[in-house]
């Protein structure tokens, strides 16, 4: 088995074992519970999955970024030793962080999104003609979409491992992208088949107290528009964060005049990258709601996530190969091995942005569907922004993502500060450490990351869980509806812009470090332009670290969007 096949297998394991947990948990419920108590049962399941996703992603992000900053800033900049060098005290914590933040964190993130989209669609289905007529097969249509997604993604992996053999490094990244395109095309066919077999030709969907007549082909289009909108969001995200395209190269070029212009260009890139994804989400919402009301939006979110087994496989590809490279470096293996794992890691990092876009886009759709379920259950026919209670709620809700991000960024900064101080202390006080004659104290660095991740994820989680309960209890459902709407509109913008800004900064640094093009070599090879190299490390870790997908801040606003809509 070739290395690229092995890493793909590891990612496939993560992706395909994510979805059956959702299927088994729901299918074990007795039929009378599914028909009569579906709201309470499924909402609790979605809340539990989302809560664990929040804790896993935030806690894992704090862990991995604290270790990352300590290992790279001190090791690379101050001591000028290679990445993953065994002399670095934080290197073990850094490698563990790849698993905690990138694998476990991303897996729980996408599982939470899947649980919530299934929750929203099943809730609306239970109070529509599916539930009223006890049409059990049609009511479980969202789970049938998930089932087909598993089969399609398993078939798709064969194209990378058996049908199209990878013979060169430059073929790795296109092969990963082809898997997502192929799975999307096959999934469109699969959705058409199950829509024809499982759904009646005409049925009614609950629409804010009324019943809206919907045809099966309209529901198919709702799922399909979400599926293809997710692909568009993913590739737009990749365009703005990959160093193969001009946006990231412009950010790298801005380092010629220092860190200030680098920060300005990075922030501008992030803000601009919001435009196309927001239009894609808006079109998906319009088409889905026009055809099937809130149920259409819920299944559109499910469609966006239906190929997530392939997306998670692609996302896990980078961390697996990165860990393999770290082990090779620490074990003193051949430099050729490290070069190969670095090439695999670079391809994985580029395509991982696609999964990040999927998670944020689907969170926006799911949040809107859950918001619709809330206002329907609360008996609110309209949310009038001219009402003082609602407008106040909008302002407070729009502020919540900033409050949440402030807490998580402060946590990352505090933990990183302790890690840097500990790494510096060991380099300065342990005799023979730089010469390789002494062994560093890895355990202390691991303990710093572990303690920080467990302790500092509590306040953000409490903010998300308690806000709707406190607002609804003391200020009423009208104010709460404003809070939920404000958090949704604000959070999705912050999540996309900050996530893409961080990814662009990080890949701009890698673009200069690699020196793969004439332009990159003029900017900052390590032996000629150390200043530019340090500027990029500063920008990547001081600014990108708390923002990008591997950490714990702005990208986790998608959890805030969804969880805050669940408790009501």
Protein backbone atom coordinates (compact mmCIF):
# COMPACT_ATOMS: atom_id res chain seq x y z
CA UNK A 1 0.00 0.00 0.00
CA UNK A 2 1.35 3.41 -0.99
CA UNK A 3 1.61 6.06 1.74
CA UNK A 4 -1.02 8.23 0.13
CA UNK A 5 -3.39 5.24 0.07
CA UNK A 6 -2.64 4.52 3.73
CA UNK A 7 -3.45 8.06 4.82
CA UNK A 8 -6.60 8.03 2.72
CA UNK A 9 -7.63 4.82 4.48
CA UNK A 10 -7.13 6.49 7.85
CA UNK A 11 -9.32 9.40 6.86
CA UNK A 12 -11.91 7.04 5.39
CA UNK A 13 -12.06 5.23 8.75
CA UNK A 14 -12.82 8.54 10.48
CA UNK A 15 -15.47 9.54 7.97
CA UNK A 16 -17.40 6.31 7.58
CA UNK A 17 -17.53 5.53 11.29
CA UNK A 18 -18.88 8.98 12.09
CA UNK A 19 -22.29 8.46 10.50
CA UNK A 20 -23.38 4.99 11.67
CA UNK A 21 -23.36 6.25 15.26
CA UNK A 22 -26.07 8.71 14.31
CA UNK A 23 -28.02 6.05 12.44
CA UNK A 24 -27.90 3.45 15.22
CA UNK A 25 -28.78 5.91 17.97
CA UNK A 26 -31.94 7.03 16.19
CA UNK A 27 -33.05 3.67 14.83
CA UNK A 28 -33.05 2.15 18.32
CA UNK A 29 -35.92 4.42 19.35
CA UNK A 30 -39.29 2.56 19.41
CA UNK A 31 -41.75 3.59 16.67
CA UNK A 32 -44.26 5.13 19.10
CA UNK A 33 -41.54 7.42 20.47
CA UNK A 34 -40.52 8.44 16.97
CA UNK A 35 -44.14 9.31 16.13
CA UNK A 36 -45.35 10.85 19.38
CA UNK A 37 -42.33 12.12 21.37
CA UNK A 38 -39.97 12.85 18.53
CA UNK A 39 -39.36 16.49 19.44
CA UNK A 40 -38.14 15.77 22.97
CA UNK A 41 -36.14 12.65 22.06
CA UNK A 42 -34.39 13.98 18.98
CA UNK A 43 -33.76 17.47 20.34
CA UNK A 44 -32.00 15.99 23.36
CA UNK A 45 -29.87 13.90 21.05
CA UNK A 46 -28.92 16.93 18.96
CA UNK A 47 -28.13 18.99 22.06
CA UNK A 48 -25.89 16.24 23.44
CA UNK A 49 -24.02 15.82 20.16
CA UNK A 50 -23.56 19.57 19.76
CA UNK A 51 -22.38 20.02 23.35
CA UNK A 52 -19.73 17.35 22.97
CA UNK A 53 -18.70 18.85 19.64
CA UNK A 54 -18.30 22.26 21.29
CA UNK A 55 -16.20 20.89 24.13
CA UNK A 56 -14.13 18.67 21.85
CA UNK A 57 -13.43 21.42 19.32
CA UNK A 58 -12.79 24.24 21.79
CA UNK A 59 -10.84 22.11 24.27
CA UNK A 60 -8.92 20.41 21.50
CA UNK A 61 -8.18 23.75 19.87
CA UNK A 62 -6.77 25.24 23.06
CA UNK A 63 -4.62 22.15 23.51
CA UNK A 64 -3.16 22.06 20.03
CA UNK A 65 -2.52 25.79 19.59
CA UNK A 66 -0.77 26.16 22.96
CA UNK A 67 1.57 23.33 22.00
CA UNK A 68 1.94 24.60 18.43
CA UNK A 69 2.95 28.10 19.48
CA UNK A 70 5.42 26.86 22.10
CA UNK A 71 7.03 24.34 19.77
CA UNK A 72 7.33 26.55 16.69
CA UNK A 73 7.95 30.04 18.01
CA UNK A 74 10.67 29.00 20.43
CA UNK A 75 12.09 26.13 18.39
CA UNK A 76 12.08 27.72 14.94
CA UNK A 77 12.65 31.37 15.67
CA UNK A 78 14.80 31.50 18.79
CA UNK A 79 16.71 28.22 18.58
CA UNK A 80 16.62 27.64 14.81
CA UNK A 81 15.99 23.90 15.12
CA UNK A 82 13.82 21.88 12.70
CA UNK A 83 10.14 21.33 13.24
CA UNK A 84 9.39 18.21 15.38
CA UNK A 85 12.99 18.06 16.58
CA UNK A 86 13.13 15.74 19.65
CA UNK A 87 15.17 18.36 21.53
CA UNK A 88 12.09 20.60 21.63
CA UNK A 89 10.18 20.07 24.92
CA UNK A 90 6.81 20.87 23.33
CA UNK A 91 7.13 18.53 20.37
CA UNK A 92 5.20 15.65 21.98
CA UNK A 93 2.36 17.95 23.00
CA UNK A 94 2.33 19.36 19.46
CA UNK A 95 1.98 15.91 17.90
CA UNK A 96 -0.74 14.90 20.37
CA UNK A 97 -2.50 18.18 19.59
CA UNK A 98 -2.83 17.17 15.95
CA UNK A 99 -4.97 14.24 17.08
CA UNK A 100 -6.88 16.11 19.77
CA UNK A 101 -7.66 19.24 17.77
CA UNK A 102 -7.65 18.14 14.14
CA UNK A 103 -8.94 14.57 14.27
CA UNK A 104 -11.09 14.30 17.40
CA UNK A 105 -12.11 17.96 17.26
CA UNK A 106 -13.08 17.98 13.59
CA UNK A 107 -14.83 14.61 13.91
CA UNK A 108 -16.96 15.82 16.81
CA UNK A 109 -17.58 19.08 14.97
CA UNK A 110 -19.02 17.36 11.91
CA UNK A 111 -20.89 14.79 13.98
CA UNK A 112 -22.56 17.64 15.86
CA UNK A 113 -23.58 19.32 12.60
CA UNK A 114 -24.98 16.04 11.30
CA UNK A 115 -26.91 15.39 14.51
CA UNK A 116 -28.42 18.87 14.44
CA UNK A 117 -29.48 18.75 10.78
CA UNK A 118 -31.09 15.35 11.34
CA UNK A 119 -32.75 16.68 14.48
CA UNK A 120 -34.24 19.68 12.70
CA UNK A 121 -35.57 17.70 9.73
CA UNK A 122 -37.03 14.88 11.85
CA UNK A 123 -38.77 17.36 14.16
CA UNK A 124 -40.53 19.12 11.28
CA UNK A 125 -41.35 15.80 9.58
CA UNK A 126 -43.06 14.51 12.73
CA UNK A 127 -45.60 17.35 12.74
CA UNK A 128 -46.21 17.17 8.97
CA UNK A 129 -48.28 14.70 6.98
CA UNK A 130 -45.51 12.09 7.41
CA UNK A 131 -46.14 11.97 11.15
CA UNK A 132 -49.88 12.57 11.00
CA UNK A 133 -50.40 9.70 8.51
CA UNK A 134 -47.82 7.49 10.28
CA UNK A 135 -45.79 7.19 7.08
CA UNK A 136 -42.72 5.85 8.85
CA UNK A 137 -40.54 5.48 5.74
CA UNK A 138 -41.14 9.03 4.57
CA UNK A 139 -40.61 10.41 8.07
CA UNK A 140 -37.17 8.77 8.14
CA UNK A 141 -36.22 10.32 4.79
CA UNK A 142 -33.37 12.32 6.43
CA UNK A 143 -31.82 9.11 7.75
CA UNK A 144 -32.14 7.48 4.33
CA UNK A 145 -30.16 10.39 2.89
CA UNK A 146 -27.47 9.73 5.51
CA UNK A 147 -27.44 6.01 4.68
CA UNK A 148 -26.97 6.61 0.98
CA UNK A 149 -24.22 9.09 1.79
CA UNK A 150 -22.24 6.41 3.60
CA UNK A 151 -22.48 4.01 0.64
CA UNK A 152 -21.61 6.71 -1.91
CA UNK A 153 -18.55 7.83 0.04
CA UNK A 154 -17.31 4.24 0.39
CA UNK A 155 -17.61 3.80 -3.37
CA UNK A 156 -15.89 7.14 -3.97
CA UNK A 157 -12.75 6.05 -2.10
CA UNK A 158 -12.21 3.35 -4.71
CA UNK A 159 -11.53 6.04 -7.31
CA UNK A 160 -8.51 7.24 -5.33
CA UNK A 161 -7.14 3.89 -4.21
CA UNK A 162 -7.99 1.54 -7.11
CA UNK A 163 -9.26 3.28 -10.26
CA UNK A 164 -6.83 6.23 -10.53
CA UNK A 165 -3.33 5.38 -9.34
CA UNK A 166 -1.32 8.30 -7.92
CA UNK A 167 2.21 8.28 -9.37
CA UNK A 168 3.55 11.74 -8.44
CA UNK A 169 3.33 14.22 -5.59
CA UNK A 170 1.57 16.80 -7.76
CA UNK A 171 -1.28 14.32 -8.37
CA UNK A 172 -2.19 14.01 -4.66
CA UNK A 173 -4.17 17.21 -4.26
CA UNK A 174 -6.20 16.80 -7.50
CA UNK A 175 -7.02 13.23 -6.45
CA UNK A 176 -8.43 14.45 -3.15
CA UNK A 177 -10.54 17.08 -4.90
CA UNK A 178 -11.81 14.54 -7.43
CA UNK A 179 -13.14 12.41 -4.59
CA UNK A 180 -15.35 15.24 -3.38
CA UNK A 181 -16.62 16.07 -6.87
CA UNK A 182 -17.32 12.41 -7.67
CA UNK A 183 -19.10 11.84 -4.36
CA UNK A 184 -21.26 14.94 -4.94
CA UNK A 185 -22.26 13.79 -8.43
CA UNK A 186 -23.03 10.24 -7.28
CA UNK A 187 -24.90 11.54 -4.24
CA UNK A 188 -27.16 13.61 -6.48
CA UNK A 189 -28.19 10.43 -8.28
CA UNK A 190 -28.64 8.58 -4.99
CA UNK A 191 -30.87 11.33 -3.57
CA UNK A 192 -33.03 11.24 -6.71
CA UNK A 193 -33.52 7.47 -6.30
CA UNK A 194 -34.49 7.51 -2.61
CA UNK A 195 -36.75 10.53 -3.16
CA UNK A 196 -38.60 8.54 -5.80
CA UNK A 197 -38.80 5.37 -3.71
CA UNK A 198 -39.36 6.67 -0.18
CA UNK A 199 -41.54 9.74 -0.64
CA UNK A 200 -45.16 9.93 -1.78
CA UNK A 201 -45.68 11.94 -4.94
CA UNK A 202 -47.42 14.69 -2.96
CA UNK A 203 -47.52 15.49 0.77
CA UNK A 204 -47.85 18.40 3.18
CA UNK A 205 -45.17 20.04 5.32
CA UNK A 206 -45.74 22.07 8.49
CA UNK A 207 -45.27 25.78 7.76
CA UNK A 208 -45.77 28.06 10.80
CA UNK A 209 -49.18 26.72 11.78
CA UNK A 210 -50.30 25.84 8.25
CA UNK A 211 -49.65 22.87 5.98
CA UNK A 212 -47.76 23.51 2.72
CA UNK A 213 -48.29 21.11 -0.18
CA UNK A 214 -44.99 19.76 -1.53
CA UNK A 215 -44.11 17.31 -4.30
CA UNK A 216 -41.32 14.74 -4.05
CA UNK A 217 -39.24 16.33 -6.82
CA UNK A 218 -39.27 19.63 -4.93
CA UNK A 219 -37.83 17.97 -1.84
CA UNK A 220 -35.16 16.36 -4.00
CA UNK A 221 -34.18 19.80 -5.28
CA UNK A 222 -33.94 21.10 -1.71
CA UNK A 223 -31.41 18.39 -0.82
CA UNK A 224 -29.55 18.81 -4.12
CA UNK A 225 -29.21 22.60 -3.79
CA UNK A 226 -27.70 22.15 -0.34
CA UNK A 227 -25.35 19.48 -1.64
CA UNK A 228 -23.98 21.60 -4.48
CA UNK A 229 -23.94 24.80 -2.42
CA UNK A 230 -21.66 22.99 0.01
CA UNK A 231 -19.30 22.09 -2.82
CA UNK A 232 -19.22 25.72 -3.98
CA UNK A 233 -18.52 26.99 -0.46
CA UNK A 234 -15.78 24.41 -0.05
CA UNK A 235 -13.96 25.32 -3.24
CA UNK A 236 -14.30 29.07 -2.62
CA UNK A 237 -12.80 28.53 0.83
CA UNK A 238 -9.97 26.56 -0.73
CA UNK A 239 -9.34 29.31 -3.29
CA UNK A 240 -8.87 31.90 -0.56
CA UNK A 241 -6.70 29.72 1.70
CA UNK A 242 -4.52 27.71 -0.69
CA UNK A 243 -1.06 29.03 -1.58
CA UNK A 244 -1.58 27.80 -5.13
CA UNK A 245 -3.81 30.81 -5.86
CA UNK A 246 -3.23 34.56 -5.97
CA UNK A 247 -5.01 35.64 -2.72
CA UNK A 248 -2.55 33.81 -0.45
CA UNK A 249 0.38 34.73 -2.68
CA UNK A 250 -0.62 38.40 -2.31
CA UNK A 251 -0.64 37.99 1.47
CA UNK A 252 2.85 36.47 1.29
CA UNK A 253 4.05 39.28 -0.96
CA UNK A 254 2.78 41.87 1.52
CA UNK A 255 5.41 40.64 4.01
CA UNK A 256 8.10 42.47 2.06
CA UNK A 257 7.20 45.60 4.03
CA UNK A 258 6.67 43.96 7.42
CA UNK A 259 4.02 42.47 9.66
CA UNK A 260 1.65 45.47 9.55
CA UNK A 261 0.87 45.17 5.83
CA UNK A 262 0.70 41.40 6.22
CA UNK A 263 -2.05 41.76 8.83
CA UNK A 264 -3.96 44.28 6.67
CA UNK A 265 -3.86 42.05 3.58
CA UNK A 266 -4.90 38.99 5.62
CA UNK A 267 -7.89 40.71 7.18
CA UNK A 268 -8.99 42.07 3.79
CA UNK A 269 -8.78 38.59 2.30
CA UNK A 270 -10.95 37.16 5.07
CA UNK A 271 -13.63 39.82 4.66
CA UNK A 272 -13.72 39.39 0.90
CA UNK A 273 -13.96 35.59 1.17
CA UNK A 274 -17.35 35.94 2.88
CA UNK A 275 -19.14 37.23 -0.24
CA UNK A 276 -19.62 34.09 -2.37
CA UNK A 277 -20.36 31.67 0.53
CA UNK A 278 -23.04 34.03 1.89
CA UNK A 279 -24.68 34.27 -1.54
CA UNK A 280 -24.55 30.47 -1.84
CA UNK A 281 -26.19 30.07 1.58
CA UNK A 282 -28.79 32.75 0.74
CA UNK A 283 -29.74 31.08 -2.55
CA UNK A 284 -30.00 27.71 -0.80
CA UNK A 285 -32.30 29.19 1.84
CA UNK A 286 -34.50 30.92 -0.75
CA UNK A 287 -34.90 27.86 -2.98
CA UNK A 288 -35.40 25.42 -0.09
CA UNK A 289 -37.90 27.57 1.79
CA UNK A 290 -39.86 28.30 -1.38
CA UNK A 291 -40.27 24.60 -2.09
CA UNK A 292 -40.68 23.04 1.37
CA UNK A 293 -40.64 25.75 4.07
CA UNK A 294 -38.42 25.03 7.10
CA UNK A 295 -38.28 21.31 6.30
CA UNK A 296 -36.65 22.22 2.99
CA UNK A 297 -33.95 24.23 4.77
CA UNK A 298 -33.32 21.35 7.20
CA UNK A 299 -32.87 18.76 4.43
CA UNK A 300 -30.73 21.24 2.46
CA UNK A 301 -28.35 21.31 5.44
CA UNK A 302 -28.45 17.52 5.49
CA UNK A 303 -27.64 17.46 1.79
CA UNK A 304 -24.68 19.76 2.38
CA UNK A 305 -23.36 17.24 4.91
CA UNK A 306 -24.34 14.06 3.06
CA UNK A 307 -20.85 13.62 1.56
CA UNK A 308 -19.11 14.52 4.80
CA UNK A 309 -17.57 11.05 5.11
CA UNK A 310 -15.44 11.96 2.09
CA UNK A 311 -14.92 15.47 3.43
CA UNK A 312 -13.72 14.17 6.78
CA UNK A 313 -11.40 11.69 5.06
CA UNK A 314 -9.85 14.59 3.16
CA UNK A 315 -9.64 16.68 6.33
CA UNK A 316 -7.95 13.89 8.32
CA UNK A 317 -5.43 13.28 5.53
CA UNK A 318 -3.23 16.23 6.52
CA UNK A 319 -2.99 15.58 10.30
CA UNK A 320 -2.26 11.87 9.75
CA UNK A 321 0.63 12.58 7.39
CA UNK A 322 1.80 15.45 9.64
CA UNK A 323 1.99 13.10 12.60
CA UNK A 324 3.84 10.55 10.49
CA UNK A 325 6.38 13.22 9.55
CA UNK A 326 6.79 14.20 13.19
CA UNK A 327 7.46 10.61 14.20
CA UNK A 328 9.99 10.26 11.37
CA UNK A 329 11.78 13.43 12.50
CA UNK A 330 11.89 12.39 16.15
CA UNK A 331 13.10 8.91 15.26
CA UNK A 332 15.93 10.29 13.12
CA UNK A 333 14.73 8.56 9.97
CA UNK A 334 15.83 9.43 6.44
CA UNK A 335 15.23 12.98 5.24
CA UNK A 336 13.51 11.54 2.17
CA UNK A 337 10.75 10.17 4.37
CA UNK A 338 10.14 13.58 5.90
CA UNK A 339 10.03 15.19 2.46
CA UNK A 340 7.38 12.73 1.36
CA UNK A 341 5.21 13.18 4.45
CA UNK A 342 5.54 16.96 4.11
CA UNK A 343 4.26 16.75 0.53
CA UNK A 344 1.30 14.67 1.68
CA UNK A 345 0.68 17.06 4.57
CA UNK A 346 0.74 20.09 2.25
CA UNK A 347 -1.87 18.51 -0.02
CA UNK A 348 -4.01 17.61 2.98
CA UNK A 349 -3.80 21.11 4.47
CA UNK A 350 -4.93 22.66 1.22
CA UNK A 351 -7.98 20.44 0.79
CA UNK A 352 -8.88 20.50 4.50
CA UNK A 353 -10.27 24.01 3.96
CA UNK A 354 -13.11 22.41 2.01
CA UNK A 355 -14.37 20.53 5.06
CA UNK A 356 -14.14 23.71 7.11
CA UNK A 357 -16.41 25.51 4.64
CA UNK A 358 -18.92 22.65 4.74
CA UNK A 359 -19.13 22.79 8.54
CA UNK A 360 -19.75 26.55 8.70
CA UNK A 361 -22.23 26.64 5.79
CA UNK A 362 -24.29 23.74 7.12
CA UNK A 363 -24.32 25.30 10.60
CA UNK A 364 -25.99 28.40 9.17
CA UNK A 365 -28.74 26.34 7.50
CA UNK A 366 -29.26 24.13 10.55
CA UNK A 367 -29.44 27.14 12.86
CA UNK A 368 -32.14 28.72 10.70
CA UNK A 369 -34.12 25.46 10.66
CA UNK A 370 -33.89 25.14 14.45
CA UNK A 371 -34.83 28.81 14.81
CA UNK A 372 -37.93 28.10 12.72
CA UNK A 373 -38.79 25.15 14.95
CA UNK A 374 -38.44 27.40 18.01
CA UNK A 375 -40.69 30.23 16.78
CA UNK A 376 -43.28 27.67 15.62
CA UNK A 377 -43.34 25.93 18.98
CA UNK A 378 -43.38 29.26 20.85
CA UNK A 379 -46.37 30.45 18.81
CA UNK A 380 -44.54 33.41 17.22
CA UNK A 381 -45.94 34.13 13.77
CA UNK A 382 -43.58 37.01 12.93
CA UNK A 383 -40.35 38.46 14.36
CA UNK A 384 -40.83 42.24 14.11
CA UNK A 385 -37.45 44.01 14.33
CA UNK A 386 -39.22 47.32 15.03
CA UNK A 387 -40.40 45.97 18.36
CA UNK A 388 -38.02 47.21 21.09
CA UNK A 389 -37.72 43.80 22.75
CA UNK A 390 -36.79 42.13 19.47
CA UNK A 391 -34.35 44.83 18.41
CA UNK A 392 -32.58 44.71 21.77
CA UNK A 393 -32.33 40.96 21.37
CA UNK A 394 -30.81 41.40 17.89
CA UNK A 395 -28.09 43.65 19.27
CA UNK A 396 -27.27 41.31 22.13
CA UNK A 397 -27.35 38.26 19.87
CA UNK A 398 -25.00 39.88 17.35
CA UNK A 399 -22.58 40.58 20.21
CA UNK A 400 -22.49 36.98 21.50
CA UNK A 401 -20.09 35.58 18.83
CA UNK A 402 -17.60 38.32 19.73
CA UNK A 403 -17.91 37.53 23.45
CA UNK A 404 -17.49 33.83 22.74
CA UNK A 405 -14.45 34.47 20.51
CA UNK A 406 -12.89 36.80 23.08
CA UNK A 407 -12.99 34.09 25.74
CA UNK A 408 -11.56 31.39 23.51
CA UNK A 409 -8.80 33.62 22.09
CA UNK A 410 -7.81 34.71 25.59
CA UNK A 411 -7.65 31.05 26.61
CA UNK A 412 -5.40 30.20 23.66
CA UNK A 413 -3.16 33.19 24.44
CA UNK A 414 -2.82 32.38 28.14
CA UNK A 415 -2.04 28.71 27.52
CA UNK A 416 0.43 29.60 24.75
CA UNK A 417 2.20 32.07 27.03
CA UNK A 418 2.70 29.40 29.68
CA UNK A 419 3.94 26.95 27.04
CA UNK A 420 6.47 29.42 25.60
CA UNK A 421 7.78 30.22 29.07
CA UNK A 422 8.16 26.53 29.91
CA UNK A 423 9.98 25.72 26.66
CA UNK A 424 12.34 28.67 27.16
CA UNK A 425 12.96 27.62 30.76
CA UNK A 426 13.97 24.12 29.72
CA UNK A 427 16.27 25.35 26.95
CA UNK A 428 17.95 27.74 29.40
CA UNK A 429 18.21 25.49 32.46
CA UNK A 430 18.73 21.91 31.21
CA UNK A 431 22.46 21.40 30.42
CA UNK A 432 23.18 19.65 27.13
CA UNK A 433 19.63 19.91 25.80
CA UNK A 434 20.56 21.79 22.63
CA UNK A 435 23.49 19.43 22.02
CA UNK A 436 21.19 16.40 22.26
CA UNK A 437 22.92 15.00 25.36
CA UNK A 438 19.94 15.56 27.69
CA UNK A 439 16.28 14.65 27.41
CA UNK A 440 13.64 17.41 27.69
CA UNK A 441 10.72 17.23 30.10
CA UNK A 442 7.91 16.44 27.67
CA UNK A 443 5.37 15.68 30.41
CA UNK A 444 5.27 19.22 31.78
CA UNK A 445 4.38 20.65 28.37
CA UNK A 446 1.67 18.04 27.88
CA UNK A 447 0.26 18.93 31.31
CA UNK A 448 0.13 22.66 30.46
CA UNK A 449 -1.95 22.01 27.33
CA UNK A 450 -4.18 19.46 29.04
CA UNK A 451 -4.95 21.63 32.07
CA UNK A 452 -5.66 24.69 29.93
CA UNK A 453 -7.94 22.84 27.52
CA UNK A 454 -10.07 21.31 30.29
CA UNK A 455 -10.33 24.43 32.42
CA UNK A 456 -10.76 27.13 29.79
CA UNK A 457 -13.48 25.48 27.71
CA UNK A 458 -16.00 25.78 30.57
CA UNK A 459 -16.83 29.54 30.34
CA UNK A 460 -17.51 29.54 26.54
CA UNK A 461 -19.68 26.43 26.92
CA UNK A 462 -21.62 28.01 29.79
CA UNK A 463 -22.19 31.17 27.74
CA UNK A 464 -23.72 29.21 24.88
CA UNK A 465 -25.84 26.91 27.04
CA UNK A 466 -27.16 29.45 29.57
CA UNK A 467 -27.86 32.46 27.35
CA UNK A 468 -31.14 31.21 25.79
CA UNK A 469 -32.37 29.92 29.15
CA UNK A 470 -31.69 33.21 30.96
CA UNK A 471 -33.05 35.45 28.18
CA UNK A 472 -36.16 33.33 27.67
CA UNK A 473 -36.91 33.14 31.41
CA UNK A 474 -36.43 36.80 32.30
CA UNK A 475 -37.19 38.67 29.06
CA UNK A 476 -39.60 36.44 27.14
CA UNK A 477 -39.71 34.61 23.84
CA UNK A 478 -39.79 37.77 21.69
CA UNK A 479 -36.45 38.99 23.03
CA UNK A 480 -35.06 35.47 22.75
CA UNK A 481 -36.09 35.27 19.10
CA UNK A 482 -34.12 38.46 18.47
CA UNK A 483 -31.08 37.07 20.29
CA UNK A 484 -31.15 33.88 18.21
CA UNK A 485 -31.53 35.78 14.92
CA UNK A 486 -28.76 38.23 15.80
CA UNK A 487 -26.34 35.46 16.76
CA UNK A 488 -27.08 33.63 13.49
CA UNK A 489 -26.50 36.64 11.22
CA UNK A 490 -23.37 37.81 13.04
CA UNK A 491 -21.78 34.45 13.80
CA UNK A 492 -21.71 33.05 10.28
CA UNK A 493 -19.92 36.15 8.95
CA UNK A 494 -17.29 36.06 11.69
CA UNK A 495 -16.74 32.32 11.34
CA UNK A 496 -16.11 32.44 7.59
CA UNK A 497 -13.96 35.59 7.52
CA UNK A 498 -11.74 34.81 10.50
CA UNK A 499 -11.32 31.16 9.54
CA UNK A 500 -10.20 32.06 6.03
CA UNK A 501 -7.93 34.84 7.29
CA UNK A 502 -6.14 32.41 9.60
CA UNK A 503 -5.83 29.74 6.92
CA UNK A 504 -4.41 32.27 4.45
CA UNK A 505 -1.82 33.53 6.95
CA UNK A 506 -0.71 30.00 7.76
CA UNK A 507 -0.40 28.95 4.13
CA UNK A 508 1.40 32.20 3.23
CA UNK A 509 4.04 31.24 5.79
CA UNK A 510 4.31 27.76 4.28
CA UNK A 511 4.49 29.25 0.79
CA UNK A 512 7.58 31.27 1.75
CA UNK A 513 9.15 28.43 3.74
CA UNK A 514 8.79 25.92 0.92
CA UNK A 515 10.24 28.25 -1.73
CA UNK A 516 8.53 26.24 -4.44
CA UNK A 517 8.34 29.10 -6.94
CA UNK A 518 10.59 31.93 -8.04
CA UNK A 519 8.27 34.41 -6.34
CA UNK A 520 8.42 32.52 -3.04
CA UNK A 521 12.21 32.26 -3.20
CA UNK A 522 12.56 36.01 -3.60
CA UNK A 523 10.43 36.60 -0.50
CA UNK A 524 12.22 34.63 2.13
CA UNK A 525 14.43 31.56 1.98
CA UNK A 526 15.62 30.84 5.51
CA UNK A 527 19.27 31.39 4.74
CA UNK A 528 18.86 34.80 3.05
CA UNK A 529 15.84 36.63 4.43
CA UNK A 530 15.36 35.53 8.01
CA UNK A 531 13.42 38.71 8.74
CA UNK A 532 10.64 37.76 6.33
CA UNK A 533 10.63 34.22 7.66
CA UNK A 534 10.16 35.50 11.23
CA UNK A 535 7.45 37.92 10.07
CA UNK A 536 5.50 35.05 8.57
CA UNK A 537 5.86 32.90 11.68
CA UNK A 538 4.72 35.83 13.78
CA UNK A 539 1.72 36.47 11.56
CA UNK A 540 0.81 32.81 11.28
CA UNK A 541 0.89 31.92 14.95
CA UNK A 542 0.19 35.23 16.68
CA UNK A 543 -2.73 36.03 14.40
CA UNK A 544 -3.75 32.91 12.48
CA UNK A 545 -3.49 30.51 15.40
CA UNK A 546 -6.55 31.70 17.31
CA UNK A 547 -8.51 32.14 14.07
CA UNK A 548 -8.00 29.19 11.78
CA UNK A 549 -9.70 25.80 11.67
CA UNK A 550 -7.20 24.01 13.89
CA UNK A 551 -7.80 26.20 16.88
CA UNK A 552 -10.56 27.16 19.21
CA UNK A 553 -11.91 30.56 18.35
CA UNK A 554 -13.87 32.01 15.44
CA UNK A 555 -14.57 28.79 13.50
CA UNK A 556 -16.28 27.47 16.65
CA UNK A 557 -18.90 30.20 16.27
CA UNK A 558 -20.77 27.65 14.16
CA UNK A 559 -21.31 25.64 17.37
CA UNK A 560 -22.62 28.78 19.06
CA UNK A 561 -25.07 29.29 16.18
CA UNK A 562 -26.54 25.82 16.54
CA UNK A 563 -26.40 25.09 20.26
CA UNK A 564 -27.96 28.42 21.21
CA UNK A 565 -31.01 27.44 19.13
CA UNK A 566 -31.41 24.01 20.75
CA UNK A 567 -32.33 24.60 24.42
CA UNK A 568 -35.50 26.64 23.66
